Protein backbone atom coordinates (compact mmCIF):
# COMPACT_ATOMS: atom_id res chain seq x y z
CA UNK A 1 -38.91 8.10 -101.60
CA UNK A 2 -36.64 6.77 -98.92
CA UNK A 3 -36.93 8.03 -95.38
CA UNK A 4 -33.85 9.17 -93.56
CA UNK A 5 -33.41 7.59 -90.20
CA UNK A 6 -31.91 9.65 -87.41
CA UNK A 7 -29.68 8.02 -84.93
CA UNK A 8 -31.37 7.84 -81.56
CA UNK A 9 -29.77 9.75 -78.71
CA UNK A 10 -28.09 12.52 -80.67
CA UNK A 11 -30.47 15.28 -79.58
CA UNK A 12 -30.44 14.39 -75.82
CA UNK A 13 -26.67 14.45 -75.84
CA UNK A 14 -26.71 17.86 -77.47
CA UNK A 15 -29.11 19.22 -74.84
CA UNK A 16 -26.97 17.76 -72.07
CA UNK A 17 -23.91 19.46 -73.54
CA UNK A 18 -25.70 22.82 -73.60
CA UNK A 19 -26.85 22.40 -69.98
CA UNK A 20 -23.33 21.46 -68.91
CA UNK A 21 -21.90 24.46 -70.75
CA UNK A 22 -24.44 26.72 -69.02
CA UNK A 23 -23.52 25.34 -65.60
CA UNK A 24 -19.83 25.83 -66.29
CA UNK A 25 -20.53 29.41 -67.35
CA UNK A 26 -22.43 30.09 -64.13
CA UNK A 27 -19.61 28.62 -62.06
CA UNK A 28 -17.12 30.78 -63.94
CA UNK A 29 -19.22 33.89 -63.36
CA UNK A 30 -19.54 33.09 -59.67
CA UNK A 31 -15.79 32.51 -59.40
CA UNK A 32 -14.95 35.77 -61.15
CA UNK A 33 -17.78 37.99 -59.90
CA UNK A 34 -18.41 36.53 -56.44
CA UNK A 35 -15.57 38.20 -54.47
CA UNK A 36 -15.92 41.53 -56.30
CA UNK A 37 -19.69 41.54 -55.86
CA UNK A 38 -19.45 40.73 -52.15
CA UNK A 39 -16.99 43.56 -51.52
CA UNK A 40 -19.02 46.15 -53.43
CA UNK A 41 -22.34 44.93 -51.99
CA UNK A 42 -20.99 45.08 -48.43
CA UNK A 43 -19.80 48.66 -48.95
CA UNK A 44 -23.15 49.63 -50.45
CA UNK A 45 -25.03 47.94 -47.59
CA UNK A 46 -23.03 49.85 -44.97
CA UNK A 47 -23.62 53.13 -46.78
CA UNK A 48 -27.37 52.58 -47.22
CA UNK A 49 -27.92 51.29 -43.67
CA UNK A 50 -25.78 54.02 -42.07
CA UNK A 51 -27.67 56.72 -43.95
CA UNK A 52 -30.99 55.19 -42.85
CA UNK A 53 -29.90 55.04 -39.20
CA UNK A 54 -28.66 58.62 -39.17
CA UNK A 55 -31.74 59.92 -40.97
CA UNK A 56 -34.01 58.13 -38.50
CA UNK A 57 -32.34 59.88 -35.56
CA UNK A 58 -32.33 63.21 -37.40
CA UNK A 59 -36.06 63.00 -38.13
CA UNK A 60 -37.30 61.58 -34.81
CA UNK A 61 -34.74 62.47 -32.14
CA UNK A 62 -32.53 65.45 -33.00
CA UNK A 63 -34.25 68.71 -32.15
CA UNK A 64 -36.59 67.04 -29.67
CA UNK A 65 -33.94 66.21 -27.06
CA UNK A 66 -32.14 68.91 -25.10
CA UNK A 67 -28.94 68.63 -23.12
CA UNK A 68 -30.74 69.49 -19.89
CA UNK A 69 -33.08 66.52 -20.38
CA UNK A 70 -30.07 64.22 -20.11
CA UNK A 71 -27.57 65.97 -17.84
CA UNK A 72 -28.25 67.96 -14.68
CA UNK A 73 -25.24 70.15 -13.84
CA UNK A 74 -24.79 71.61 -10.37
CA UNK A 75 -23.26 75.08 -10.05
CA UNK A 76 -21.54 76.95 -7.26
CA UNK A 77 -22.64 80.37 -6.04
CA UNK A 78 -20.26 81.86 -8.58
CA UNK A 79 -21.95 80.02 -11.46
CA UNK A 80 -19.16 77.50 -12.02
CA UNK A 81 -20.22 73.91 -12.73
CA UNK A 82 -19.00 71.80 -9.83
CA UNK A 83 -20.74 68.47 -10.48
CA UNK A 84 -22.78 66.74 -13.19
CA UNK A 85 -25.48 64.11 -12.86
CA UNK A 86 -27.06 62.04 -15.63
CA UNK A 87 -30.84 61.75 -15.80
CA UNK A 88 -31.33 57.97 -15.96
CA UNK A 89 -34.96 58.26 -17.07
CA UNK A 90 -34.13 60.74 -19.82
CA UNK A 91 -31.31 58.55 -21.13
CA UNK A 92 -33.50 55.44 -21.11
CA UNK A 93 -36.19 57.26 -23.06
CA UNK A 94 -33.61 58.48 -25.56
CA UNK A 95 -32.30 54.95 -26.09
CA UNK A 96 -35.77 53.48 -26.54
CA UNK A 97 -36.93 56.20 -28.94
CA UNK A 98 -33.76 55.94 -31.03
CA UNK A 99 -33.95 52.16 -31.18
CA UNK A 100 -37.57 52.23 -32.36
CA UNK A 101 -36.94 54.96 -34.94
CA UNK A 102 -33.91 53.16 -36.41
CA UNK A 103 -35.69 49.80 -36.45
CA UNK A 104 -38.61 51.27 -38.38
CA UNK A 105 -36.36 53.05 -40.88
CA UNK A 106 -34.26 49.94 -41.55
CA UNK A 107 -37.43 47.90 -42.11
CA UNK A 108 -38.18 50.10 -45.13
CA UNK A 109 -35.05 48.84 -46.86
CA UNK A 110 -36.47 45.35 -47.17
CA UNK A 111 -38.87 46.27 -49.98
CA UNK A 112 -36.33 48.17 -52.07
CA UNK A 113 -34.01 46.95 -54.81
CA UNK A 114 -30.81 48.79 -55.69
CA UNK A 115 -28.93 48.39 -58.96
CA UNK A 116 -25.21 48.70 -59.60
CA UNK A 117 -23.58 48.68 -63.05
CA UNK A 118 -21.43 45.64 -63.74
CA UNK A 119 -18.50 47.92 -64.57
CA UNK A 120 -18.57 49.37 -61.06
CA UNK A 121 -18.62 45.92 -59.48
CA UNK A 122 -15.64 44.82 -61.56
CA UNK A 123 -13.71 47.95 -60.55
CA UNK A 124 -13.37 49.27 -64.10
CA UNK A 125 -12.82 53.00 -63.63
CA UNK A 126 -13.51 53.98 -67.24
CA UNK A 127 -16.59 51.74 -67.43
CA UNK A 128 -17.89 52.19 -63.88
CA UNK A 129 -21.22 53.57 -65.10
CA UNK A 130 -21.71 50.96 -67.81
CA UNK A 131 -22.71 47.34 -68.05
CA UNK A 132 -25.87 45.43 -67.20
CA UNK A 133 -27.41 46.41 -63.84
CA UNK A 134 -26.90 43.94 -61.00
CA UNK A 135 -29.75 43.90 -58.43
CA UNK A 136 -29.03 44.23 -54.71
CA UNK A 137 -31.44 43.92 -51.81
CA UNK A 138 -30.79 44.46 -48.12
CA UNK A 139 -32.63 42.62 -45.34
CA UNK A 140 -32.33 43.88 -41.71
CA UNK A 141 -31.33 41.11 -39.30
CA UNK A 142 -31.93 40.97 -35.55
CA UNK A 143 -32.49 43.90 -33.21
CA UNK A 144 -30.85 47.31 -33.35
CA UNK A 145 -28.55 48.03 -30.40
CA UNK A 146 -28.32 51.62 -29.17
CA UNK A 147 -25.97 52.93 -26.47
CA UNK A 148 -25.41 56.46 -25.21
CA UNK A 149 -21.91 57.89 -24.93
CA UNK A 150 -20.26 61.25 -24.41
CA UNK A 151 -17.01 63.10 -24.99
CA UNK A 152 -15.27 66.20 -23.65
CA UNK A 153 -13.25 68.41 -26.00
CA UNK A 154 -11.72 71.84 -25.85
CA UNK A 155 -13.94 74.65 -27.16
CA UNK A 156 -11.63 77.60 -26.54
CA UNK A 157 -9.93 79.28 -23.63
CA UNK A 158 -11.31 77.92 -20.34
CA UNK A 159 -14.22 76.29 -22.19
CA UNK A 160 -15.08 72.63 -22.73
CA UNK A 161 -17.65 71.16 -25.08
CA UNK A 162 -19.58 68.23 -23.62
CA UNK A 163 -21.16 66.24 -26.44
CA UNK A 164 -23.66 63.38 -26.07
CA UNK A 165 -24.05 60.89 -28.89
CA UNK A 166 -25.73 57.63 -29.81
CA UNK A 167 -23.84 54.51 -30.82
CA UNK A 168 -26.12 52.41 -33.04
CA UNK A 169 -25.32 48.92 -34.29
CA UNK A 170 -27.25 46.58 -36.55
CA UNK A 171 -26.81 43.70 -38.99
CA UNK A 172 -27.92 43.66 -42.62
CA UNK A 173 -27.96 40.73 -45.01
CA UNK A 174 -27.06 41.41 -48.63
CA UNK A 175 -29.19 39.52 -51.16
CA UNK A 176 -27.51 39.55 -54.58
CA UNK A 177 -26.52 37.11 -57.32
CA UNK A 178 -23.80 34.78 -55.97
CA UNK A 179 -23.89 36.52 -52.56
CA UNK A 180 -25.76 36.13 -49.24
CA UNK A 181 -23.37 38.00 -46.97
CA UNK A 182 -24.21 39.45 -43.54
CA UNK A 183 -22.76 42.89 -42.85
CA UNK A 184 -22.27 44.59 -39.48
CA UNK A 185 -23.21 48.28 -39.50
CA UNK A 186 -22.26 50.78 -36.79
CA UNK A 187 -22.50 54.55 -36.64
CA UNK A 188 -22.13 57.40 -34.13
CA UNK A 189 -24.76 60.15 -34.12
CA UNK A 190 -24.49 63.36 -32.00
CA UNK A 191 -27.76 64.33 -30.30
CA UNK A 192 -26.96 67.11 -27.79
CA UNK A 193 -24.10 69.23 -26.51
CA UNK A 194 -23.29 72.07 -24.13
CA UNK A 195 -20.36 74.38 -23.42
CA UNK A 196 -18.95 74.20 -19.89
CA UNK A 197 -17.24 77.39 -18.79
CA UNK A 198 -14.33 76.74 -16.46
CA UNK A 199 -12.63 73.45 -15.62
CA UNK A 200 -14.46 70.16 -16.07
CA UNK A 201 -15.97 69.23 -12.70
CA UNK A 202 -14.19 66.47 -10.81
CA UNK A 203 -17.31 65.29 -8.95
CA UNK A 204 -19.67 63.05 -10.86
CA UNK A 205 -22.67 60.96 -9.91
CA UNK A 206 -22.39 57.38 -11.15
CA UNK A 207 -25.43 55.33 -12.08
CA UNK A 208 -23.43 52.09 -12.03
CA UNK A 209 -23.89 51.43 -15.76
CA UNK A 210 -21.93 51.69 -18.98
CA UNK A 211 -23.87 54.77 -20.09
CA UNK A 212 -22.01 58.02 -20.38
CA UNK A 213 -18.59 56.74 -19.37
CA UNK A 214 -17.12 60.21 -19.81
CA UNK A 215 -18.96 61.76 -16.87
CA UNK A 216 -20.34 58.88 -14.85
CA UNK A 217 -17.02 57.28 -13.97
CA UNK A 218 -15.86 59.44 -11.08
CA UNK A 219 -12.20 59.35 -10.05
CA UNK A 220 -11.67 56.49 -7.61
CA UNK A 221 -15.03 54.80 -8.35
């Protein structure tokens, strides 16, 4: 019986062709899915991080901070508010507590994996809930920044609502196939408010900082 001789080199060339085809397929997927995945992942990252930041303040801060811990109004003999002074110590404590609470809550995201259907990433409305799941992970980056701000708004006849809120900012990195994007996240969270009866006082006490611009920037300062 005669033996059939195989030409040397045929199998390596076939393997090389398969590897090349696989690489081309990956490049095609990255080209088609990359932009869509980055956009959807960035939106998801902002939503997840914003919810975590707000929930952290709701659980640790809201309900434990009162308006009078932050603002000390001064009244006339007739009970009308004539000046307002911010409590620097109370505001500093609020900032520190909020920063710590948000930092701890965002750290929990690092061990979680979220999945989005491929149809949703591609923007297919009829198939948004279908397709293989694409994994997403979010990694907090840097330090959370927290500032305190305030606003005045009308609350009825001869009444003004003074609202104090937190401005929280952070950065989250999206870890997903074909994507390593960093996303800036910012949210505003109300923490305390009070109703001022009568006109808003024109005399304020400034602490010389950027905190509470609404009341700490007296006319002519």
